[in-house]
N, C-alpha and C. Protein backbone atom coordinates (compact mmCIF):
# COMPACT_ATOMS: atom_id res chain seq x y z
N UNK A 1 -1.04 67.96 54.50
CA UNK A 1 -2.59 67.55 54.02
C UNK A 1 -3.18 68.64 53.74
N UNK A 2 -3.77 68.31 52.48
CA UNK A 2 -4.88 69.64 52.21
C UNK A 2 -6.49 68.70 52.13
N UNK A 3 -7.27 69.77 52.01
CA UNK A 3 -8.70 69.48 52.02
C UNK A 3 -8.88 68.54 50.80
N UNK A 4 -8.53 69.09 49.67
CA UNK A 4 -8.53 68.59 48.38
C UNK A 4 -8.27 66.91 48.33
N UNK A 5 -7.25 66.74 48.94
CA UNK A 5 -6.80 65.17 49.33
C UNK A 5 -7.71 64.26 50.15
N UNK A 6 -8.61 65.16 50.62
CA UNK A 6 -9.79 64.12 51.47
C UNK A 6 -10.72 63.36 50.65
N UNK A 7 -11.32 62.33 50.88
CA UNK A 7 -12.57 61.72 50.12
C UNK A 7 -13.74 62.74 50.46
N UNK A 8 -14.22 62.50 48.92
CA UNK A 8 -15.50 63.32 48.61
C UNK A 8 -16.78 62.15 48.74
N UNK A 9 -17.85 62.92 48.81
CA UNK A 9 -19.33 61.91 48.56
C UNK A 9 -19.01 61.23 47.56
N UNK A 10 -18.96 61.56 46.17
CA UNK A 10 -18.48 60.89 45.05
C UNK A 10 -17.49 59.83 45.03
N UNK A 11 -16.46 60.26 45.52
CA UNK A 11 -15.43 59.04 45.73
C UNK A 11 -15.82 57.94 46.62
N UNK A 12 -16.60 58.36 47.60
CA UNK A 12 -16.83 57.40 48.62
C UNK A 12 -17.88 56.48 47.70
N UNK A 13 -18.74 56.79 47.00
CA UNK A 13 -20.03 56.10 46.28
C UNK A 13 -19.34 55.31 45.49
N UNK A 14 -17.99 55.58 44.70
CA UNK A 14 -17.38 54.92 43.87
C UNK A 14 -16.62 53.85 44.55
N UNK A 15 -16.19 53.89 45.75
CA UNK A 15 -15.38 53.03 46.59
C UNK A 15 -16.35 51.61 46.97
N UNK A 16 -17.56 52.32 47.46
CA UNK A 16 -18.90 51.42 47.84
C UNK A 16 -19.09 50.67 46.65
N UNK A 17 -19.22 51.18 45.20
CA UNK A 17 -19.46 50.30 44.35
C UNK A 17 -18.43 49.37 43.82
N UNK A 18 -17.22 49.47 44.10
CA UNK A 18 -16.12 48.75 43.78
C UNK A 18 -16.25 47.60 44.83
N UNK A 19 -16.24 47.73 46.36
CA UNK A 19 -16.38 46.66 47.02
C UNK A 19 -17.63 45.82 46.98
N UNK A 20 -18.61 46.31 46.50
CA UNK A 20 -19.92 45.45 46.21
C UNK A 20 -19.55 44.51 44.64
N UNK A 21 -19.12 45.38 43.90
CA UNK A 21 -18.66 44.46 42.61
C UNK A 21 -17.75 43.27 42.98
N UNK A 22 -16.62 43.62 43.74
CA UNK A 22 -15.69 42.91 44.01
C UNK A 22 -16.48 41.46 44.44
N UNK A 23 -17.07 41.78 45.53
CA UNK A 23 -18.02 40.73 46.26
C UNK A 23 -18.80 39.94 45.13
N UNK A 24 -19.51 40.40 44.41
CA UNK A 24 -20.17 39.77 43.43
C UNK A 24 -19.52 38.95 42.52
N UNK A 25 -18.22 39.28 42.15
CA UNK A 25 -17.16 38.65 41.26
C UNK A 25 -16.66 37.35 42.17
N UNK A 26 -16.89 37.47 43.38
CA UNK A 26 -16.58 36.37 44.23
C UNK A 26 -17.71 35.32 44.52
N UNK A 27 -18.99 35.69 44.00
CA UNK A 27 -20.12 35.22 44.24
C UNK A 27 -20.72 35.15 45.66
N UNK A 28 -20.39 36.44 46.31
CA UNK A 28 -20.73 36.53 47.68
C UNK A 28 -21.97 37.70 47.56
N UNK A 29 -23.26 37.09 47.72
CA UNK A 29 -24.33 38.22 47.65
C UNK A 29 -24.40 39.22 48.72
N UNK A 30 -24.06 40.41 48.53
CA UNK A 30 -24.00 41.63 49.55
C UNK A 30 -24.88 42.72 48.81
N UNK A 31 -25.48 43.39 50.22
CA UNK A 31 -26.33 44.48 49.94
C UNK A 31 -25.69 45.70 50.76
N UNK A 32 -26.55 46.80 50.49
CA UNK A 32 -25.91 48.19 51.20
C UNK A 32 -27.15 48.84 51.68
N UNK A 33 -26.84 49.68 52.76
CA UNK A 33 -27.72 50.59 53.46
C UNK A 33 -27.20 51.96 53.73
N UNK A 34 -27.73 52.84 53.78
CA UNK A 34 -27.00 54.17 53.99
C UNK A 34 -27.89 54.41 55.49
N UNK A 35 -27.07 54.62 56.48
CA UNK A 35 -27.78 54.54 57.87
C UNK A 35 -26.84 55.13 58.95
N UNK A 36 -27.05 55.43 60.15
CA UNK A 36 -26.33 55.70 61.14
C UNK A 36 -25.73 54.24 61.48
N UNK A 37 -24.54 54.42 62.01
CA UNK A 37 -23.99 53.22 63.06
C UNK A 37 -23.19 53.76 64.14
N UNK A 38 -23.02 52.95 65.44
CA UNK A 38 -22.42 53.22 66.61
C UNK A 38 -20.88 53.79 66.41
N UNK A 39 -20.33 54.65 66.52
CA UNK A 39 -18.87 54.98 66.15
C UNK A 39 -18.13 54.11 67.12
N UNK A 40 -18.39 54.32 68.56
CA UNK A 40 -17.39 53.43 69.41
C UNK A 40 -17.32 52.05 69.22
N UNK A 41 -18.29 51.39 68.47
CA UNK A 41 -18.03 49.76 68.24
C UNK A 41 -17.45 49.56 66.77
N UNK A 42 -17.23 50.40 66.17
CA UNK A 42 -16.21 50.00 65.06
C UNK A 42 -14.93 49.71 64.86
N UNK A 43 -14.93 48.54 64.25
CA UNK A 43 -13.43 47.75 64.22
C UNK A 43 -12.39 48.30 63.28
N UNK A 44 -11.26 48.70 63.57
CA UNK A 44 -10.57 49.29 62.62
C UNK A 44 -9.87 48.22 61.65
N UNK A 45 -9.55 48.83 60.39
CA UNK A 45 -8.80 47.90 59.24
C UNK A 45 -7.44 48.38 59.07
N UNK A 46 -6.98 49.17 59.85
CA UNK A 46 -5.76 49.85 59.68
C UNK A 46 -5.21 49.80 61.16
N UNK A 47 -3.81 50.42 61.02
CA UNK A 47 -3.22 50.40 62.52
C UNK A 47 -2.95 51.94 63.20
N UNK A 48 -3.29 52.61 62.58
CA UNK A 48 -3.02 53.95 63.35
C UNK A 48 -3.68 55.04 62.26
N UNK A 49 -3.68 56.37 62.99
CA UNK A 49 -4.34 57.40 62.32
C UNK A 49 -3.13 58.38 62.18
N UNK A 50 -3.28 59.09 60.82
CA UNK A 50 -2.19 60.07 60.63
C UNK A 50 -2.44 61.55 61.24
N UNK A 51 -1.59 62.20 61.86
CA UNK A 51 -1.96 63.10 62.84
C UNK A 51 -2.11 64.42 62.09
N UNK A 52 -1.55 64.41 61.09
CA UNK A 52 -1.75 65.94 60.13
C UNK A 52 -3.20 65.73 59.23
N UNK A 53 -3.71 64.76 58.99
CA UNK A 53 -4.80 64.58 58.58
C UNK A 53 -5.95 64.39 59.68
N UNK A 54 -5.77 64.08 60.75
CA UNK A 54 -6.45 64.04 61.89
C UNK A 54 -6.96 65.47 62.33
N UNK A 55 -6.17 66.23 62.47
CA UNK A 55 -6.08 67.31 62.84
C UNK A 55 -7.02 68.39 61.77
N UNK A 56 -6.88 68.16 60.44
CA UNK A 56 -7.64 68.92 59.35
C UNK A 56 -9.10 68.33 59.55
N UNK A 57 -9.51 67.12 59.72
CA UNK A 57 -10.80 66.67 59.33
C UNK A 57 -11.11 66.84 60.78
N UNK A 58 -10.62 66.78 61.88
CA UNK A 58 -11.28 67.22 63.14
C UNK A 58 -11.84 68.74 63.06
N UNK A 59 -11.16 69.65 62.36
CA UNK A 59 -11.55 71.07 62.30
C UNK A 59 -12.45 71.16 61.36
N UNK A 60 -12.78 70.29 60.33
CA UNK A 60 -13.63 70.18 59.45
C UNK A 60 -14.94 69.77 59.77
N UNK A 61 -14.86 68.82 60.60
CA UNK A 61 -16.02 68.21 61.42
C UNK A 61 -16.92 68.99 62.41
N UNK A 62 -15.82 69.70 62.80
CA UNK A 62 -16.35 70.58 64.13
C UNK A 62 -17.17 71.91 63.41
N UNK A 63 -16.72 72.20 62.39
CA UNK A 63 -17.38 73.50 61.46
C UNK A 63 -18.58 72.65 60.50
N UNK A 64 -18.80 71.57 60.83
CA UNK A 64 -19.95 70.91 59.58
C UNK A 64 -19.51 71.09 58.03
N UNK A 65 -18.06 70.94 57.78
CA UNK A 65 -17.82 71.15 56.65
C UNK A 65 -17.47 69.93 55.78
N UNK A 66 -17.48 68.65 56.53
CA UNK A 66 -17.12 67.26 55.75
C UNK A 66 -18.36 66.41 56.15
N UNK A 67 -18.86 66.26 55.34
CA UNK A 67 -19.99 65.44 55.47
C UNK A 67 -20.27 64.32 54.42
N UNK A 68 -19.22 63.26 54.45
CA UNK A 68 -19.13 61.92 53.83
C UNK A 68 -19.37 60.98 54.66
N UNK A 69 -20.25 59.95 54.50
CA UNK A 69 -20.65 58.93 54.97
C UNK A 69 -19.27 57.80 54.98
N UNK A 70 -18.85 57.03 56.27
CA UNK A 70 -17.73 56.29 56.16
C UNK A 70 -18.33 54.85 55.57
N UNK A 71 -17.43 54.00 55.16
CA UNK A 71 -17.72 52.76 54.65
C UNK A 71 -17.46 51.58 55.64
N UNK A 72 -18.60 50.79 55.96
CA UNK A 72 -18.57 49.69 56.83
C UNK A 72 -19.15 48.57 56.37
N UNK A 73 -18.37 47.36 56.78
CA UNK A 73 -18.61 46.12 56.49
C UNK A 73 -19.27 45.57 57.96
N UNK A 74 -20.81 45.13 57.77
CA UNK A 74 -21.54 44.60 58.87
C UNK A 74 -21.65 43.04 58.63
N UNK A 75 -21.20 42.44 59.73
CA UNK A 75 -21.28 40.92 59.80
C UNK A 75 -22.23 40.45 60.98
N UNK A 76 -22.74 39.40 61.06
CA UNK A 76 -23.52 39.01 62.22
C UNK A 76 -22.98 37.63 62.49
N UNK A 77 -22.27 37.50 63.53
CA UNK A 77 -21.55 36.39 64.01
C UNK A 77 -22.07 35.69 65.41
N UNK A 78 -23.09 34.65 65.21
CA UNK A 78 -23.58 34.13 66.32
C UNK A 78 -23.67 34.73 67.45
N UNK A 79 -23.07 34.38 68.54
CA UNK A 79 -23.17 34.82 69.85
C UNK A 79 -22.80 36.13 70.00
N UNK A 80 -21.65 36.74 69.11
CA UNK A 80 -21.00 37.76 69.17
C UNK A 80 -22.01 39.04 68.61
N UNK A 81 -23.09 38.52 68.10
CA UNK A 81 -23.93 39.79 67.17
C UNK A 81 -23.42 40.47 66.25
N UNK A 82 -23.53 41.41 65.94
CA UNK A 82 -23.25 42.41 64.71
C UNK A 82 -21.77 42.89 65.20
N UNK A 83 -20.92 42.60 64.13
CA UNK A 83 -19.69 43.18 64.06
C UNK A 83 -19.42 44.08 62.86
N UNK A 84 -19.03 45.54 63.22
CA UNK A 84 -18.89 46.11 62.15
C UNK A 84 -17.39 46.65 61.92
N UNK A 85 -16.90 46.39 60.89
CA UNK A 85 -15.61 46.66 60.43
C UNK A 85 -15.66 48.03 59.45
N UNK A 86 -14.79 48.98 59.99
CA UNK A 86 -14.50 50.15 59.09
C UNK A 86 -13.59 49.91 58.02
N UNK A 87 -14.10 50.23 56.72
CA UNK A 87 -13.32 49.96 55.59
C UNK A 87 -12.59 51.20 55.33
N UNK A 88 -13.37 52.27 55.22
CA UNK A 88 -12.60 53.60 54.96
C UNK A 88 -13.45 54.56 55.70
N UNK A 89 -12.82 55.77 56.57
CA UNK A 89 -13.11 56.62 57.36
C UNK A 89 -12.59 56.54 58.69
N UNK A 90 -11.46 55.96 58.87
CA UNK A 90 -10.92 55.99 60.02
C UNK A 90 -10.70 57.21 60.93
N UNK A 91 -10.19 58.24 60.01
CA UNK A 91 -9.95 59.44 60.70
C UNK A 91 -11.20 60.18 61.01
N UNK A 92 -12.20 59.88 59.82
CA UNK A 92 -13.64 60.76 60.22
C UNK A 92 -14.05 60.16 61.39
N UNK A 93 -13.93 58.82 61.56
CA UNK A 93 -14.78 58.30 62.64
C UNK A 93 -14.10 58.54 64.04
N UNK A 94 -12.78 58.70 64.08
CA UNK A 94 -12.17 59.28 65.57
C UNK A 94 -12.47 60.35 65.85
N UNK A 95 -12.49 61.40 64.52
CA UNK A 95 -12.67 62.80 64.86
C UNK A 95 -14.02 62.94 65.37
N UNK A 96 -15.01 62.28 65.00
CA UNK A 96 -16.29 62.31 65.59
C UNK A 96 -16.38 61.83 66.84
N UNK A 97 -15.60 60.89 67.17
CA UNK A 97 -15.47 60.29 68.76
C UNK A 97 -15.32 61.42 69.36
N UNK A 98 -14.31 62.27 69.31
CA UNK A 98 -13.63 63.09 69.89
C UNK A 98 -14.54 64.35 70.10
N UNK A 99 -15.43 64.64 69.15
CA UNK A 99 -16.32 65.82 69.06
C UNK A 99 -17.74 65.66 69.99
N UNK A 100 -17.73 64.08 70.51
CA UNK A 100 -18.76 63.72 71.20
C UNK A 100 -20.04 62.92 70.35
N UNK A 101 -19.71 62.84 69.25
CA UNK A 101 -20.72 62.04 68.80
C UNK A 101 -20.75 60.45 68.83
N UNK A 102 -21.92 60.09 69.01
CA UNK A 102 -22.03 58.71 69.37
C UNK A 102 -22.19 58.00 67.91
N UNK A 103 -22.88 58.57 67.13
CA UNK A 103 -23.33 57.70 65.71
C UNK A 103 -22.40 58.37 64.62
N UNK A 104 -22.09 57.63 63.29
CA UNK A 104 -21.58 58.13 62.37
C UNK A 104 -22.59 57.70 61.08
N UNK A 105 -22.47 58.73 60.04
CA UNK A 105 -23.17 58.16 58.92
C UNK A 105 -22.55 57.39 58.12
N UNK A 106 -22.67 56.13 57.60
CA UNK A 106 -22.30 55.13 56.83
C UNK A 106 -23.15 54.62 55.94
N UNK A 107 -22.06 54.19 54.81
CA UNK A 107 -22.56 53.04 53.71
C UNK A 107 -22.24 51.79 54.32
N UNK A 108 -23.30 50.96 54.68
CA UNK A 108 -22.86 49.69 55.09
C UNK A 108 -23.32 48.83 54.26
N UNK A 109 -22.21 47.75 54.12
CA UNK A 109 -22.35 46.70 53.48
C UNK A 109 -22.44 45.56 54.12
N UNK A 110 -23.60 44.56 53.91
CA UNK A 110 -23.97 43.42 54.66
C UNK A 110 -24.48 42.19 53.62
N UNK A 111 -24.75 41.01 54.26
CA UNK A 111 -25.14 40.02 53.30
C UNK A 111 -25.98 39.57 54.04
N UNK A 112 -27.07 39.06 53.27
CA UNK A 112 -28.29 38.28 53.99
C UNK A 112 -27.92 36.81 54.70
N UNK A 113 -26.63 36.34 54.34
CA UNK A 113 -26.20 35.35 54.96
C UNK A 113 -25.68 35.49 56.38
N UNK A 114 -25.33 36.95 56.68
CA UNK A 114 -25.10 37.04 58.18
C UNK A 114 -23.63 37.27 58.24
N UNK A 115 -22.78 36.44 57.93
CA UNK A 115 -21.19 36.46 57.62
C UNK A 115 -20.65 35.89 56.56
N UNK A 116 -19.72 36.41 56.07
CA UNK A 116 -18.91 35.68 55.04
C UNK A 116 -17.50 35.83 55.06
N UNK A 117 -16.75 35.14 54.34
CA UNK A 117 -15.23 35.51 54.19
C UNK A 117 -15.10 36.90 53.63
N UNK A 118 -14.16 37.73 54.47
CA UNK A 118 -13.78 38.82 53.99
C UNK A 118 -12.32 39.36 54.27
N UNK A 119 -11.68 39.78 53.33
CA UNK A 119 -10.49 40.43 53.68
C UNK A 119 -10.29 41.36 54.65
N UNK A 120 -11.28 42.18 54.84
CA UNK A 120 -11.11 43.31 55.68
C UNK A 120 -11.37 42.72 57.22
N UNK A 121 -11.96 41.57 57.21
CA UNK A 121 -11.88 41.01 58.74
C UNK A 121 -10.68 40.33 58.92
N UNK A 122 -10.22 39.73 58.10
CA UNK A 122 -8.73 39.26 58.12
C UNK A 122 -7.63 40.46 58.63
N UNK A 123 -7.91 41.54 57.71
CA UNK A 123 -7.06 42.41 58.14
C UNK A 123 -7.10 43.14 59.49
N UNK A 124 -8.37 43.42 59.92
CA UNK A 124 -8.84 43.73 61.34
C UNK A 124 -8.20 42.56 62.51
N UNK A 125 -8.31 41.18 61.88
CA UNK A 125 -7.69 40.21 62.89
C UNK A 125 -6.23 40.57 62.98
N UNK A 126 -5.45 40.62 61.81
CA UNK A 126 -4.06 40.84 61.87
C UNK A 126 -3.61 42.08 62.81
N UNK A 127 -4.60 43.04 62.93
CA UNK A 127 -3.94 44.36 63.70
C UNK A 127 -4.58 44.21 64.98
N UNK A 128 -5.27 43.03 65.49
CA UNK A 128 -5.83 42.80 66.93
C UNK A 128 -6.98 43.13 67.23
N UNK A 129 -7.90 43.31 65.95
CA UNK A 129 -9.45 43.61 66.29
C UNK A 129 -9.72 45.14 67.36
N UNK A 130 -8.92 45.97 66.69
CA UNK A 130 -8.63 47.02 67.89
C UNK A 130 -9.90 47.91 67.24
N UNK A 131 -10.48 48.68 68.13
CA UNK A 131 -11.49 49.66 68.14
C UNK A 131 -10.81 50.93 67.58
N UNK A 132 -11.62 51.58 66.52
CA UNK A 132 -11.06 52.97 65.83
C UNK A 132 -10.88 53.89 67.14
N UNK A 133 -11.81 53.95 67.98
CA UNK A 133 -11.47 54.97 69.30
C UNK A 133 -10.22 54.56 69.71
N UNK A 134 -9.50 53.62 69.90
CA UNK A 134 -8.30 53.05 70.42
C UNK A 134 -7.08 53.22 69.40
N UNK A 135 -7.09 53.32 68.21
CA UNK A 135 -6.12 53.36 67.31
C UNK A 135 -5.20 54.65 67.86
N UNK A 136 -3.74 54.42 67.81
CA UNK A 136 -3.08 55.60 68.10
C UNK A 136 -3.16 56.44 67.01
N UNK A 137 -2.87 57.91 67.22
CA UNK A 137 -2.68 58.97 66.33
C UNK A 137 -1.00 59.49 66.15
N UNK A 138 -0.55 59.13 64.79
CA UNK A 138 1.05 59.14 64.59
C UNK A 138 1.06 60.28 63.64
């Protein structure tokens, strides 16, 4: 794994636009905000973190050399309150937690409706709604 293989701020903005455009095509009104979110409460949409990538990202974050916001989908679900699903940035989030950071910088996608059908939510359910902090590193 090389630093050049990691996501850049520009590529993350492109991914954000793609997700918003996809929801628009489905008729789901979504908006986005750039803000801090609690790292420990993010629900994973993958089943593990790649060890080699993790070591690289951990080192870069430790030295403040990787400042790319993660991509999060936020749903408001009745009594459960806000549920935040990590779309992109699992390794960065896990490394941030390891470094003692409580919050991560994020592009947050949400809908004024509060909750909506989402494939990311289905993927997270498939993997057991595991928090990013609890993902295995392989």
